[in-house]
Protein backbone atom coordinates (compact mmCIF):
# COMPACT_ATOMS: atom_id res chain seq x y z
CA MET A 1 0.02 0.01 -0.04
CA ALA A 2 1.19 3.38 -0.62
CA GLU A 3 0.88 7.09 -0.15
CA ILE A 4 0.36 8.63 -3.72
CA THR A 5 1.41 12.31 -4.03
CA LEU A 6 1.24 14.59 -6.96
CA LYS A 7 3.55 17.55 -6.79
CA SER A 8 3.14 20.51 -9.12
CA LEU A 9 2.01 18.02 -11.88
CA ALA A 10 1.07 19.18 -15.43
CA HIS A 11 0.37 17.38 -18.51
CA THR A 12 0.00 18.75 -22.24
CA TYR A 13 -0.10 16.70 -25.53
CA LEU A 14 1.10 19.73 -27.51
CA GLU A 15 4.79 20.35 -28.18
CA ASN A 16 4.47 24.05 -27.81
CA PRO A 17 1.47 24.98 -25.34
CA LYS A 18 0.66 28.66 -25.21
CA SER A 19 -1.84 28.90 -22.41
CA SER A 20 -3.48 26.80 -19.48
CA GLN A 21 -6.07 25.99 -21.79
CA ASP A 22 -3.76 23.90 -23.91
CA TYR A 23 -3.04 21.58 -20.74
CA ALA A 24 -5.08 18.38 -20.21
CA ILE A 25 -3.85 18.47 -16.39
CA ARG A 26 -2.96 22.04 -15.14
CA GLU A 27 -0.53 22.37 -12.19
CA LEU A 28 -1.98 20.05 -9.48
CA ASN A 29 -0.98 19.11 -6.11
CA HIS A 30 -2.77 16.24 -4.52
CA VAL A 31 -2.47 13.74 -1.90
CA TRP A 32 -4.19 10.16 -1.48
CA GLN A 33 -3.33 8.69 1.73
CA GLN A 34 -2.47 4.85 2.21
CA GLY A 35 -5.35 2.65 2.25
CA GLY A 36 -7.93 5.06 1.36
CA ALA A 37 -10.90 4.55 -1.08
CA TYR A 38 -11.09 7.33 -3.56
CA ALA A 39 -12.98 8.57 -6.58
CA LEU A 40 -11.74 10.80 -9.45
CA LEU A 41 -14.91 12.25 -10.70
CA GLY A 42 -15.79 14.60 -13.59
CA PRO A 43 -17.02 14.82 -16.88
CA SER A 44 -15.52 12.89 -20.19
CA GLY A 45 -12.46 15.02 -21.17
CA CYS A 46 -11.83 16.74 -17.81
CA GLY A 47 -8.32 14.81 -17.67
CA LYS A 48 -9.24 11.86 -15.43
CA SER A 49 -7.72 8.92 -17.43
CA THR A 50 -4.77 11.11 -18.15
CA LEU A 51 -4.18 11.68 -14.33
CA LEU A 52 -4.61 8.03 -13.80
CA ASN A 53 -2.01 6.94 -16.58
CA ILE A 54 0.47 9.17 -15.48
CA ILE A 55 0.07 7.74 -11.70
CA SER A 56 0.71 4.22 -13.36
CA GLY A 57 3.36 5.07 -15.39
CA LEU A 58 1.74 4.40 -18.71
CA LEU A 59 2.14 8.20 -19.51
CA GLU A 60 5.02 10.70 -18.57
CA PRO A 61 3.81 13.78 -17.21
CA SER A 62 5.22 17.19 -19.08
CA SER A 63 6.21 18.59 -15.65
CA GLY A 64 6.25 17.92 -11.93
CA GLU A 65 6.51 14.67 -9.87
CA VAL A 66 4.47 11.55 -8.67
CA LEU A 67 5.38 9.96 -5.47
CA PHE A 68 4.89 6.76 -3.67
CA ASP A 69 5.57 7.10 0.02
CA GLY A 70 7.58 9.92 -0.53
CA GLU A 71 9.84 8.46 -3.07
CA VAL A 72 9.56 9.93 -6.86
CA VAL A 73 8.75 7.34 -9.55
CA ASN A 74 8.52 9.36 -12.78
CA ASP A 75 11.32 7.47 -14.37
CA LEU A 76 9.94 4.08 -13.09
CA PRO A 77 8.11 1.87 -15.89
CA PRO A 78 4.43 0.56 -14.92
CA GLU A 79 5.78 -2.77 -13.98
CA ALA A 80 8.32 -1.34 -11.49
CA ARG A 81 5.54 0.85 -9.87
CA ASN A 82 3.78 -2.23 -8.31
CA ILE A 83 0.47 -0.84 -9.39
CA ALA A 84 -2.44 -2.58 -10.35
CA GLN A 85 -4.94 -1.09 -13.09
CA VAL A 86 -8.41 -1.91 -14.12
CA PHE A 87 -9.36 -0.57 -17.52
CA GLN A 88 -12.83 0.26 -19.07
CA PHE A 89 -13.09 -2.87 -20.95
CA PRO A 90 -11.76 -6.15 -19.67
CA VAL A 91 -8.08 -7.09 -20.12
CA ILE A 92 -8.04 -10.78 -19.91
CA TYR A 93 -6.65 -13.95 -21.81
CA ASP A 94 -9.63 -15.64 -23.60
CA THR A 95 -7.86 -19.03 -23.87
CA MET A 96 -6.93 -19.10 -20.19
CA THR A 97 -9.43 -20.58 -17.61
CA VAL A 98 -11.11 -17.93 -15.18
CA TYR A 99 -8.84 -19.48 -12.44
CA ASP A 100 -5.64 -19.33 -14.59
CA ASN A 101 -6.45 -15.54 -15.53
CA LEU A 102 -6.86 -14.73 -11.75
CA ALA A 103 -3.58 -16.75 -10.85
CA PHE A 104 -1.45 -15.14 -13.76
CA PRO A 105 -0.38 -12.06 -11.78
CA LEU A 106 0.75 -13.91 -8.79
CA ARG A 107 2.66 -16.72 -10.84
CA ASN A 108 4.37 -13.60 -12.82
CA VAL A 109 6.11 -12.82 -9.53
CA LYS A 110 6.97 -16.28 -8.79
CA THR A 111 4.14 -16.47 -6.12
CA PRO A 112 4.12 -20.10 -4.17
CA GLU A 113 1.45 -22.25 -5.74
CA ALA A 114 -0.11 -22.72 -2.30
CA ARG A 115 -0.58 -19.15 -2.11
CA VAL A 116 -1.76 -18.54 -5.73
CA HIS A 117 -4.44 -21.31 -4.75
CA GLU A 118 -5.55 -19.50 -1.43
CA ARG A 119 -5.61 -16.02 -3.12
CA VAL A 120 -7.55 -17.05 -6.39
CA MET A 121 -10.28 -18.84 -3.94
CA GLU A 122 -10.54 -15.65 -1.80
CA VAL A 123 -10.84 -13.27 -4.76
CA ALA A 124 -13.23 -15.44 -6.78
CA ASP A 125 -15.62 -15.88 -3.58
CA VAL A 126 -15.76 -12.29 -2.98
CA LEU A 127 -16.58 -11.56 -6.82
CA GLU A 128 -18.90 -14.64 -6.98
CA LEU A 129 -16.74 -16.38 -9.72
CA THR A 130 -16.09 -19.76 -7.77
CA SER A 131 -18.68 -21.48 -9.98
CA GLN A 132 -16.80 -20.04 -13.19
CA LEU A 133 -13.47 -20.66 -12.30
CA LYS A 134 -12.87 -23.91 -15.05
CA ARG A 135 -14.54 -21.99 -17.65
CA LYS A 136 -12.60 -20.74 -20.46
CA ALA A 137 -12.72 -16.75 -20.38
CA LYS A 138 -13.85 -16.33 -24.06
CA ASN A 139 -17.16 -18.23 -22.92
CA LEU A 140 -17.93 -15.62 -20.41
CA THR A 141 -20.59 -12.74 -20.81
CA ALA A 142 -19.23 -9.38 -20.84
CA ASP A 143 -19.86 -8.47 -17.20
CA GLU A 144 -18.25 -11.73 -16.24
CA LYS A 145 -15.29 -10.85 -18.03
CA GLN A 146 -14.97 -7.44 -16.40
CA LYS A 147 -15.35 -9.14 -13.27
CA VAL A 148 -12.28 -11.45 -13.93
CA SER A 149 -10.43 -8.41 -14.91
CA MET A 150 -11.00 -6.65 -11.86
CA GLY A 151 -9.93 -9.92 -9.91
CA ARG A 152 -6.59 -9.90 -11.67
CA GLY A 153 -6.33 -6.40 -10.23
CA LEU A 154 -7.49 -7.37 -6.61
CA VAL A 155 -5.60 -10.76 -6.56
CA ARG A 156 -2.01 -9.49 -5.49
CA ASP A 157 -1.85 -8.20 -1.81
CA ASP A 158 1.55 -6.58 -2.10
CA VAL A 159 0.43 -3.74 -4.88
CA SER A 160 0.96 -0.08 -3.81
CA ALA A 161 -2.47 0.74 -5.00
CA ILE A 162 -5.30 -0.29 -7.41
CA LEU A 163 -6.45 2.14 -10.28
CA PHE A 164 -9.90 1.56 -11.65
CA ASP A 165 -10.63 3.32 -14.92
CA GLU A 166 -14.38 3.67 -15.19
CA PRO A 167 -14.51 -0.34 -15.02
CA LEU A 168 -18.22 -0.67 -14.60
CA THR A 169 -18.95 0.82 -18.44
CA VAL A 170 -19.76 -2.62 -19.91
CA ILE A 171 -21.46 -3.86 -16.75
CA ASP A 172 -25.13 -4.59 -16.78
CA PRO A 173 -27.05 -1.54 -15.21
CA GLN A 174 -28.63 -4.16 -12.60
CA LEU A 175 -25.22 -5.68 -11.79
CA LYS A 176 -23.42 -2.18 -11.23
CA TRP A 177 -24.86 -1.46 -7.59
CA THR A 178 -23.83 -4.96 -6.54
CA LEU A 179 -20.53 -4.48 -7.91
CA ARG A 180 -20.10 -1.37 -6.65
CA ARG A 181 -20.61 -2.30 -3.11
CA LYS A 182 -18.63 -5.41 -3.57
CA LEU A 183 -15.51 -2.96 -4.44
CA LYS A 184 -16.13 -1.15 -1.06
CA ASP A 185 -16.25 -4.35 0.84
CA ILE A 186 -13.10 -5.51 -0.75
CA HIS A 187 -11.45 -2.32 0.38
CA GLN A 188 -12.51 -2.61 3.63
CA ARG A 189 -11.36 -6.09 4.04
CA PHE A 190 -7.94 -5.77 2.27
CA GLN A 191 -7.31 -2.01 3.18
CA ILE A 192 -5.57 -1.31 -0.21
CA THR A 193 -5.14 2.31 -1.48
CA MET A 194 -7.77 2.63 -4.26
CA VAL A 195 -8.46 5.33 -6.74
CA TYR A 196 -11.70 4.67 -8.82
CA VAL A 197 -12.23 6.90 -12.10
CA THR A 198 -15.66 7.53 -13.04
CA HIS A 199 -18.35 10.16 -14.63
CA ASP A 200 -21.25 8.83 -12.51
CA GLN A 201 -21.58 10.88 -9.00
CA LEU A 202 -23.47 7.55 -7.88
CA GLU A 203 -20.56 5.34 -8.51
CA ALA A 204 -18.33 7.57 -6.79
CA SER A 205 -20.53 8.19 -3.80
CA THR A 206 -20.94 4.31 -3.41
CA PHE A 207 -17.51 3.64 -3.53
CA ALA A 208 -15.35 6.22 -2.10
CA ASP A 209 -14.73 7.84 1.36
CA LYS A 210 -13.45 10.84 -0.32
CA ILE A 211 -14.18 12.31 -3.77
CA ALA A 212 -11.74 14.50 -6.07
CA VAL A 213 -14.06 16.66 -8.61
CA MET A 214 -11.98 17.44 -11.68
CA TYR A 215 -13.02 20.24 -14.18
CA GLU A 216 -10.77 21.34 -16.79
CA GLY A 217 -7.70 19.65 -15.67
CA GLN A 218 -8.01 20.58 -12.32
CA VAL A 219 -9.28 19.24 -8.82
CA VAL A 220 -11.75 21.81 -7.75
CA GLN A 221 -12.73 20.15 -4.46
CA PHE A 222 -11.73 16.97 -2.75
CA GLY A 223 -14.25 16.12 0.07
CA THR A 224 -16.63 13.53 1.58
CA PRO A 225 -20.02 12.92 -0.72
CA ARG A 226 -21.68 14.93 1.99
CA GLU A 227 -19.28 17.89 1.85
CA LEU A 228 -19.54 18.12 -1.97
CA PHE A 229 -23.25 18.24 -1.85
CA GLU A 230 -23.81 20.65 1.07
CA THR A 231 -21.02 23.10 0.41
CA PRO A 232 -19.66 22.63 -3.09
CA ASN A 233 -16.43 24.68 -3.36
CA HIS A 234 -16.79 25.47 -7.21
CA THR A 235 -19.91 25.96 -9.19
CA PHE A 236 -19.09 23.04 -11.23
CA VAL A 237 -19.42 21.06 -8.20
CA GLY A 238 -22.68 22.38 -7.47
CA TYR A 239 -23.95 21.84 -10.90
CA PHE A 240 -22.47 18.38 -11.19
CA ILE A 241 -23.37 16.89 -7.96
CA GLY A 242 -27.17 16.30 -7.31
CA SER A 243 -30.15 15.68 -9.30
CA PRO A 244 -30.93 18.15 -10.33
CA GLY A 245 -27.87 20.12 -9.81
CA MET A 246 -27.57 23.35 -7.64
CA ASN A 247 -29.44 26.67 -8.65
CA PHE A 248 -27.15 29.66 -9.38
CA LEU A 249 -28.29 33.14 -9.65
CA ASP A 250 -26.24 35.87 -10.93
CA VAL A 251 -26.53 38.79 -8.74
CA SER A 252 -25.27 42.39 -7.72
CA ALA A 253 -25.47 44.77 -5.07
CA ARG A 254 -27.17 48.19 -5.26
CA ASP A 255 -29.27 50.36 -3.32
CA GLY A 256 -28.80 48.48 -0.10
CA ALA A 257 -30.25 45.05 -1.70
CA VAL A 258 -29.21 42.33 -3.33
CA TRP A 259 -30.61 41.92 -6.96
CA ALA A 260 -31.23 38.88 -9.43
CA GLY A 261 -32.46 40.38 -12.47
CA ASP A 262 -35.33 42.77 -11.55
CA THR A 263 -35.93 41.11 -8.21
CA ALA A 264 -34.71 42.00 -4.61
CA LEU A 265 -33.76 39.17 -2.86
CA THR A 266 -34.12 38.32 0.70
CA VAL A 267 -30.96 37.62 1.95
CA GLU A 268 -28.96 38.06 5.24
CA GLN A 269 -26.56 41.30 5.63
CA GLY A 270 -23.54 39.28 5.78
CA VAL A 271 -24.32 38.20 1.95
CA ARG A 272 -24.90 41.93 1.08
CA ASP A 273 -21.86 42.92 2.68
CA ALA A 274 -19.76 40.05 0.89
CA ILE A 275 -21.37 41.06 -2.46
CA GLU A 276 -20.34 44.92 -2.03
CA LYS A 277 -16.61 43.97 -1.12
CA ALA A 278 -16.29 41.73 -4.12
CA SER A 279 -13.61 42.90 -6.75
CA SER A 280 -15.37 40.99 -9.40
CA SER A 281 -18.71 41.30 -11.32
CA ASN A 282 -18.83 37.52 -11.59
CA ILE A 283 -21.13 36.96 -8.48
CA LYS A 284 -23.47 34.24 -7.98
CA LEU A 285 -25.65 32.73 -5.26
CA GLY A 286 -25.95 28.93 -5.22
CA ILE A 287 -28.74 27.07 -3.43
CA ARG A 288 -29.67 23.33 -3.85
CA PRO A 289 -33.57 22.53 -5.16
CA GLU A 290 -33.87 20.53 -1.84
CA PHE A 291 -33.03 23.52 0.31
CA ILE A 292 -35.44 26.08 -1.19
CA GLU A 293 -38.37 26.73 0.69
CA VAL A 294 -41.60 26.64 -1.20
CA HIS A 295 -44.92 28.20 -0.12
CA THR A 296 -48.19 28.49 -1.91
CA GLU A 297 -49.29 31.51 0.14
CA PRO A 298 -47.17 34.81 1.19
CA VAL A 299 -45.10 34.08 3.88
CA GLU A 300 -42.46 36.63 5.73
CA GLY A 301 -39.48 37.21 4.00
CA GLY A 302 -40.78 35.12 0.85
CA MET A 303 -40.15 36.35 -2.61
CA SER A 304 -42.55 35.83 -5.43
CA ALA A 305 -41.63 33.68 -8.24
CA GLN A 306 -43.62 32.42 -11.33
CA VAL A 307 -44.47 28.52 -11.27
CA ASP A 308 -43.89 27.46 -14.98
CA HIS A 309 -44.24 23.72 -14.41
CA ALA A 310 -44.22 20.57 -11.84
CA GLN A 311 -42.79 17.00 -12.69
CA ASP A 312 -44.21 14.38 -10.45
CA LEU A 313 -41.58 11.90 -9.89
CA GLY A 314 -43.43 9.75 -7.04
CA THR A 315 -41.93 10.22 -3.66
CA TYR A 316 -41.35 14.02 -4.54
CA SER A 317 -42.00 16.70 -7.32
CA ILE A 318 -39.51 19.19 -9.00
CA VAL A 319 -41.15 22.45 -9.42
CA TYR A 320 -39.69 24.64 -12.13
CA LEU A 321 -39.77 28.38 -11.32
CA THR A 322 -38.80 31.85 -12.58
CA LEU A 323 -37.56 34.27 -10.18
CA GLY A 324 -36.43 37.62 -11.32
CA GLY A 325 -36.19 36.49 -14.85
CA ILE A 326 -33.85 33.59 -13.92
CA SER A 327 -35.07 29.74 -14.08
CA LEU A 328 -34.85 28.08 -10.73
CA LYS A 329 -35.78 24.30 -9.65
CA ALA A 330 -37.03 23.34 -6.25
CA ARG A 331 -37.96 20.02 -4.72
CA ILE A 332 -41.05 19.40 -2.84
CA GLU A 333 -41.94 16.23 -0.80
CA GLU A 334 -45.15 14.16 -1.85
CA ASP A 335 -47.12 15.45 1.18
CA GLN A 336 -46.55 18.96 0.10
CA THR A 337 -48.96 20.77 -1.84
CA THR A 338 -47.81 21.78 -5.40
CA PRO A 339 -48.07 25.35 -6.05
CA THR A 340 -49.55 26.72 -9.16
CA GLY A 341 -49.24 30.19 -10.66
CA THR A 342 -47.05 31.84 -7.96
CA ALA A 343 -45.27 30.68 -5.08
CA TRP A 344 -43.24 32.29 -2.56
CA LEU A 345 -39.77 31.40 -1.94
CA ARG A 346 -37.41 31.49 1.10
CA PHE A 347 -33.78 30.52 0.78
CA PRO A 348 -32.50 29.73 4.43
CA ASP A 349 -29.24 31.62 5.37
CA GLU A 350 -27.30 28.49 6.35
CA ARG A 351 -28.18 26.96 2.73
CA LEU A 352 -27.11 29.62 0.57
CA GLY A 353 -23.70 29.94 -0.97
CA LEU A 354 -22.04 32.94 -2.29
CA TYR A 355 -19.64 32.35 -5.42
CA VAL A 356 -17.11 34.91 -6.71
CA ASP A 357 -15.27 33.98 -10.00
CA GLU A 358 -16.61 30.40 -9.54
CA TYR A 359 -15.27 29.81 -6.34
CA ARG A 360 -17.30 29.59 -2.91
CA VAL A 361 -16.32 32.47 -0.44
CA GLU A 362 -17.12 32.49 3.29
CA VAL A 363 -19.96 34.80 4.68
CA ASP A 364 -20.03 36.27 8.13
CA HIS A 365 -23.26 35.29 9.49
CA GLU A 366 -25.11 37.50 11.87
């Protein structure tokens, strides 16, 4: 097991990069602690797989260092880094049996056969492959092949870390939940450093204790699933995490009030003060649909909004609203009356986030 440190790491695929936009990975400093279960989450093209391949040694960074337990490994080839990597599509030997596929990484490092058998049976049991051990890999289904591929990554107990690059892409949707839980169980059982790359927030939250959210080649927030949901550090995190994502209102301060379009918002003095002090005009207020209070009648501190329509999702509804010319979504529970025509909204102070130049800033609460 290893602590993985990325120090001033950057990478570009261009020979003569001219700006930060030319970098797949912008300068990055990050640490994954020994024995942790982590996810690297972000949309396609944000740099996730590039970063994973740099860690494993399949790609050499343009600048910066990769350290395992404090030792720089930039010059070490993949086989010398003692890393197991599970790819998006299965990497197995079709002509071998499932047993021999699982045994291959151990036999390759001259592991005694008794230990090989012990580990193969242990991993096969965890992944529910025991009944398949005598079958040729070519006769397996796509999801069974990927389970074997995952097992090949898990079977060695002396690896520094296991890297998963969107390993459930080819898995049947109904089996994904089961395999995510199994990976979590495997981590808790063996305590190996694991980094799981995905674009799916549910996969990340199910597997990882902490999630690194990537956007445009940078880690914009590193935290627990709850931290990412409740206090997103960047507008992208707010938008990307949650279903639906966070509402953002472009705001400004004038005449002693905070305005969104042509509507004065009811917010605390600390928010008004922070907006007035901001040196940028790129200022947003963010609030999640779950945290907006929706009322069918006027209430103290309520802001009048137009109800556009509502989507009934069974146990809750999503109400689409317009406030000050800005579209918002609010979530209401099934026992709550769905408003029509006009609704009155309140934004609880403790649930409201202020973002300047896309990053969250602290507010002095009264």
